[in-house]
Amino acid sequence: MTTPNGDTPPGEPPDESHHGNGKIWTDLWPDGKVIVHDRGWIQPDGRIAMKWPWWRALDAAGPLTVTGRRLDAPAAPLEAVIPSGYGQAGFQATGLIFSTPGCWEVTGHAGGYALTFVTEVVLAPELTGQASGGGTGP
C-alpha cells in the first residue's frame, strides 16, 4: 500500500495526508487503507463511492482523468466522477467509485503527467458485523 509522502500542493497548508510528485497531488488515508465506516458511502448496488481531492500544477494543466483497477481479484474498474468548473490547474474535486472492497491501483492523469498509488478499501467492522473498530478519512 502507498502511504502519504507529505508532498503538499502549492498554496495548501502542509498535511501528512498529502501525496504527490510535484505535478499532481492527492490525499491518502493513513497506512494506505481506506476504511469505509459510513453506510452512506455504500451504493444500493454495493459499490463504494467517496469524495477524493486532487491538485494539478500549472505545468500539468489540463483535464484530470482518474483510472483504477483492482489488483487482488477480478472486479469492474474504478469509476471517476470529475465535475467541470474547477479550471485547468489547482484543486479538482472528484468522486471515486470502487466496485468492491479490495486492493486498488489508482492513477490520476493531467497535462501529460501521472500520479499512481495503491490503496486497500475495506469495510469497517461495524459494517460487517464484526467487533467494532474503524477509522477516519484523509
Protein backbone atom coordinates (compact mmCIF):
# COMPACT_ATOMS: atom_id res chain seq x y z
CA MET A 1 0.00 0.00 0.00
CA THR A 2 1.12 3.53 -0.72
CA THR A 3 1.50 5.74 2.33
CA PRO A 4 1.34 9.54 2.00
CA ASN A 5 4.70 11.16 1.24
CA GLY A 6 3.68 14.57 2.64
CA ASP A 7 4.35 16.37 -0.68
CA THR A 8 1.99 19.34 -0.42
CA PRO A 9 0.26 21.06 -3.36
CA PRO A 10 1.20 24.74 -3.89
CA GLY A 11 -0.87 27.08 -1.77
CA GLU A 12 -2.06 24.37 0.61
CA PRO A 13 -1.01 24.09 4.25
CA PRO A 14 1.29 21.14 4.99
CA ASP A 15 -0.59 17.96 5.86
CA GLU A 16 0.73 14.45 6.41
CA SER A 17 -2.10 13.04 4.26
CA HIS A 18 -0.82 14.84 1.13
CA HIS A 19 0.79 12.70 -1.55
CA GLY A 20 2.26 13.93 -4.81
CA ASN A 21 5.08 14.09 -7.32
CA GLY A 22 5.48 17.84 -7.89
CA LYS A 23 2.93 17.85 -10.73
CA ILE A 24 -0.15 16.04 -9.39
CA TRP A 25 -1.24 15.61 -5.78
CA THR A 26 -3.97 13.90 -3.81
CA ASP A 27 -4.70 12.94 -0.21
CA LEU A 28 -4.22 9.39 1.03
CA TRP A 29 -5.58 7.60 4.03
CA PRO A 30 -3.25 6.61 6.88
CA ASP A 31 -1.38 3.35 6.27
CA GLY A 32 -2.69 3.27 2.68
CA LYS A 33 -6.02 1.86 3.82
CA VAL A 34 -9.45 3.37 3.12
CA ILE A 35 -11.75 2.29 5.94
CA VAL A 36 -15.40 2.59 4.94
CA HIS A 37 -17.19 3.42 8.18
CA ASP A 38 -20.27 5.17 6.81
CA ARG A 39 -23.12 3.21 5.19
CA GLY A 40 -23.81 6.34 3.13
CA TRP A 41 -20.68 5.56 1.09
CA ILE A 42 -22.13 2.21 0.01
CA GLN A 43 -24.38 2.45 -3.04
CA PRO A 44 -27.51 0.27 -3.38
CA ASP A 45 -25.58 -1.99 -5.79
CA GLY A 46 -22.73 -2.42 -3.25
CA ARG A 47 -20.22 -0.09 -4.91
CA ILE A 48 -18.31 2.25 -2.60
CA ALA A 49 -18.40 5.96 -3.52
CA MET A 50 -16.46 8.75 -1.86
CA LYS A 51 -15.17 12.25 -2.49
CA TRP A 52 -11.46 12.39 -3.36
CA PRO A 53 -9.39 15.60 -3.80
CA TRP A 54 -6.73 16.15 -6.48
CA TRP A 55 -4.50 19.10 -7.41
CA ARG A 56 -2.67 19.87 -10.68
CA ALA A 57 0.43 22.06 -11.06
CA LEU A 58 0.33 24.90 -13.59
CA ASP A 59 2.63 22.95 -15.91
CA ALA A 60 0.37 19.89 -15.58
CA ALA A 61 -2.70 21.91 -16.55
CA GLY A 62 -5.42 20.17 -18.45
CA PRO A 63 -8.36 17.91 -17.83
CA LEU A 64 -7.89 15.46 -14.97
CA THR A 65 -8.71 11.82 -15.62
CA VAL A 66 -8.61 9.10 -12.98
CA THR A 67 -8.42 5.39 -13.68
CA GLY A 68 -8.14 2.40 -11.41
CA ARG A 69 -8.13 -1.35 -11.24
CA ARG A 70 -8.40 -3.94 -8.52
CA LEU A 71 -5.13 -5.82 -8.07
CA ASP A 72 -6.09 -8.74 -5.83
CA ALA A 73 -9.18 -10.12 -7.60
CA PRO A 74 -11.26 -9.60 -10.73
CA ALA A 75 -13.57 -6.57 -10.46
CA ALA A 76 -15.14 -3.87 -12.57
CA PRO A 77 -12.74 -0.92 -12.99
CA LEU A 78 -12.80 2.18 -10.82
CA GLU A 79 -15.24 4.86 -11.94
CA ALA A 80 -14.37 8.53 -11.52
CA VAL A 81 -16.86 11.39 -11.46
CA ILE A 82 -14.99 14.58 -12.32
CA PRO A 83 -17.18 17.69 -12.29
CA SER A 84 -16.46 20.68 -14.51
CA GLY A 85 -15.92 24.21 -13.26
CA TYR A 86 -12.61 23.75 -11.42
CA GLY A 87 -10.34 25.16 -14.13
CA GLN A 88 -7.31 23.58 -15.77
CA ALA A 89 -4.93 23.67 -12.77
CA GLY A 90 -5.10 23.69 -8.99
CA PHE A 91 -7.74 21.91 -6.93
CA GLN A 92 -10.15 19.43 -8.52
CA ALA A 93 -12.83 17.62 -6.55
CA THR A 94 -13.70 14.12 -7.73
CA GLY A 95 -15.85 11.21 -6.74
CA LEU A 96 -14.22 7.79 -6.86
CA ILE A 97 -16.41 4.70 -7.08
CA PHE A 98 -14.81 1.37 -6.17
CA SER A 99 -16.81 -1.61 -7.43
CA THR A 100 -15.80 -3.77 -4.43
CA PRO A 101 -13.58 -3.69 -1.37
CA GLY A 102 -10.03 -4.86 -2.09
CA CYS A 103 -6.58 -3.70 -3.16
CA TRP A 104 -6.77 -0.95 -5.80
CA GLU A 105 -4.25 0.82 -8.02
CA VAL A 106 -5.44 4.36 -8.81
CA THR A 107 -3.83 6.77 -11.28
CA GLY A 108 -4.58 10.44 -11.86
CA HIS A 109 -3.53 11.89 -15.24
CA ALA A 110 -3.23 15.57 -16.24
CA GLY A 111 -1.11 17.55 -18.68
CA GLY A 112 0.98 14.55 -19.70
CA TYR A 113 1.82 13.63 -16.09
CA ALA A 114 0.54 10.83 -13.87
CA LEU A 115 0.39 10.01 -10.16
CA THR A 116 -0.27 6.40 -9.14
CA PHE A 117 -0.95 4.97 -5.70
CA VAL A 118 -2.14 1.65 -4.30
CA THR A 119 -4.74 1.58 -1.55
CA GLU A 120 -6.76 -1.06 0.22
CA VAL A 121 -10.51 -0.43 0.50
CA VAL A 122 -12.06 -2.25 3.47
CA LEU A 123 -15.40 -2.18 5.24
CA ALA A 124 -15.15 -1.22 8.90
CA PRO A 125 -16.04 -3.98 11.36
CA GLU A 126 -19.27 -2.22 12.37
CA LEU A 127 -20.46 -2.58 8.76
CA THR A 128 -19.57 -6.26 8.52
CA GLY A 129 -20.97 -7.37 11.89
CA GLN A 130 -17.52 -7.98 13.41
CA ALA A 131 -16.10 -6.34 16.54
CA SER A 132 -16.24 -2.55 16.43
CA GLY A 133 -13.38 -0.51 15.02
CA GLY A 134 -12.97 1.93 12.16
CA GLY A 135 -11.03 4.95 11.14
CA THR A 136 -11.17 8.39 9.72
CA GLY A 137 -10.56 9.76 6.27
CA PRO A 138 -7.77 11.90 4.95
